[in-house]
C-alpha atoms as a PDB file:
ATOM      1  CA  MET A   1      11.506  35.581  -1.218  1.00  0.00           C
ATOM      2  CA  SER A   2      14.428  34.745  -3.469  1.00  0.00           C
ATOM      3  CA  ASN A   3      14.116  34.700  -7.239  1.00  0.00           C
ATOM      4  CA  ILE A   4      14.428  30.892  -7.423  1.00  0.00           C
ATOM      5  CA  LYS A   5      11.679  30.426  -4.815  1.00  0.00           C
ATOM      6  CA  ARG A   6       9.363  32.748  -6.758  1.00  0.00           C
ATOM      7  CA  ARG A   7      10.060  30.866  -9.984  1.00  0.00           C
ATOM      8  CA  LEU A   8       9.472  27.504  -8.298  1.00  0.00           C
ATOM      9  CA  ALA A   9       6.212  28.702  -6.768  1.00  0.00           C
ATOM     10  CA  ALA A  10       5.053  29.970 -10.164  1.00  0.00           C
ATOM     11  CA  LEU A  11       5.891  26.637 -11.816  1.00  0.00           C
ATOM     12  CA  GLU A  12       4.087  24.658  -9.115  1.00  0.00           C
ATOM     13  CA  MET A  13       0.985  26.803  -9.379  1.00  0.00           C
ATOM     14  CA  ALA A  14       1.012  26.460 -13.183  1.00  0.00           C
ATOM     15  CA  SER A  15       0.885  22.670 -12.852  1.00  0.00           C
ATOM     16  CA  PRO A  16      -2.571  21.278 -13.671  1.00  0.00           C
ATOM     17  CA  HIS A  17      -2.505  19.290 -10.420  1.00  0.00           C
ATOM     18  CA  GLY A  18      -1.253  22.116  -8.225  1.00  0.00           C
ATOM     19  CA  PRO A  19       1.968  21.808  -6.237  1.00  0.00           C
ATOM     20  CA  ALA A  20       3.750  18.473  -6.610  1.00  0.00           C
ATOM     21  CA  ILE A  21       3.645  16.101  -3.662  1.00  0.00           C
ATOM     22  CA  TRP A  22       6.675  13.846  -3.313  1.00  0.00           C
ATOM     23  CA  ARG A  23       6.487  10.589  -1.358  1.00  0.00           C
ATOM     24  CA  ARG A  24       9.696   8.982  -0.054  1.00  0.00           C
ATOM     25  CA  ILE A  25       9.513   5.198   0.062  1.00  0.00           C
ATOM     26  CA  ILE A  26      12.182   2.896   1.511  1.00  0.00           C
ATOM     27  CA  GLN A  27      12.727  -0.345  -0.416  1.00  0.00           C
ATOM     28  CA  HIS A  28      14.650  -2.889   1.656  1.00  0.00           C
ATOM     29  CA  SER A  29      16.983  -5.378   0.015  1.00  0.00           C
ATOM     30  CA  ASP A  30      14.481  -8.236   0.437  1.00  0.00           C
ATOM     31  CA  GLN A  31      11.555  -6.283  -1.087  1.00  0.00           C
ATOM     32  CA  THR A  32      10.392  -5.629  -4.616  1.00  0.00           C
ATOM     33  CA  GLU A  33       9.370  -2.103  -5.527  1.00  0.00           C
ATOM     34  CA  ASP A  34       5.721  -3.197  -5.440  1.00  0.00           C
ATOM     35  CA  GLU A  35       6.135  -4.639  -1.925  1.00  0.00           C
ATOM     36  CA  ALA A  36       7.794  -1.422  -0.719  1.00  0.00           C
ATOM     37  CA  ILE A  37       4.911   0.671  -2.085  1.00  0.00           C
ATOM     38  CA  ALA A  38       2.380  -1.703  -0.472  1.00  0.00           C
ATOM     39  CA  ALA A  39       4.229  -1.448   2.867  1.00  0.00           C
ATOM     40  CA  TYR A  40       4.113   2.361   2.620  1.00  0.00           C
ATOM     41  CA  GLY A  41       0.391   2.199   1.879  1.00  0.00           C
ATOM     42  CA  ARG A  42      -1.088   2.540  -1.601  1.00  0.00           C
ATOM     43  CA  ASP A  43      -4.057   4.390  -0.120  1.00  0.00           C
ATOM     44  CA  ARG A  44      -1.698   7.185   0.990  1.00  0.00           C
ATOM     45  CA  ILE A  45      -0.504   7.812  -2.596  1.00  0.00           C
ATOM     46  CA  ALA A  46      -2.619   9.895  -4.983  1.00  0.00           C
ATOM     47  CA  PRO A  47      -2.298   9.375  -8.756  1.00  0.00           C
ATOM     48  CA  SER A  48      -0.692  12.818  -9.078  1.00  0.00           C
ATOM     49  CA  ASP A  49       1.921  12.152  -6.358  1.00  0.00           C
ATOM     50  CA  ARG A  50       5.519  11.604  -7.351  1.00  0.00           C
ATOM     51  CA  LEU A  51       7.630   8.889  -5.776  1.00  0.00           C
ATOM     52  CA  ILE A  52      11.220   8.793  -4.578  1.00  0.00           C
ATOM     53  CA  ILE A  53      12.138   5.187  -3.915  1.00  0.00           C
ATOM     54  CA  ARG A  54      15.288   4.677  -1.873  1.00  0.00           C
ATOM     55  CA  LYS A  55      16.630   1.187  -2.296  1.00  0.00           C
ATOM     56  CA  ILE A  56      18.606  -0.168   0.658  1.00  0.00           C
ATOM     57  CA  VAL A  57      21.554  -2.253  -0.477  1.00  0.00           C
ATOM     58  CA  ASP A  58      22.777  -5.188   1.588  1.00  0.00           C
ATOM     59  CA  HIS A  59      25.482  -3.843   3.888  1.00  0.00           C
ATOM     60  CA  THR A  60      27.440  -7.108   3.842  1.00  0.00           C
ATOM     61  CA  VAL A  61      28.502  -6.506   0.239  1.00  0.00           C
ATOM     62  CA  GLN A  62      31.916  -4.867  -0.024  1.00  0.00           C
ATOM     63  CA  LEU A  63      33.156  -3.133  -3.112  1.00  0.00           C
ATOM     64  CA  GLY A  64      36.660  -3.587  -4.435  1.00  0.00           C
ATOM     65  CA  GLY A  65      37.635  -6.508  -2.554  1.00  0.00           C
END
């Protein structure tokens, strides 16, 4: 096991909640953040879970032009 993996494992085990659980949620352009979380399922998310919310931007928008 590499040094960074050992350090990460030690940090996760030192956390009062144990290893961090990350949830990836997709937020579509027509949704609010709350709607995206509801679509994912609030019952699937524990209070100690961390969220990564990926917001989808409308593809019809063009930059620079």
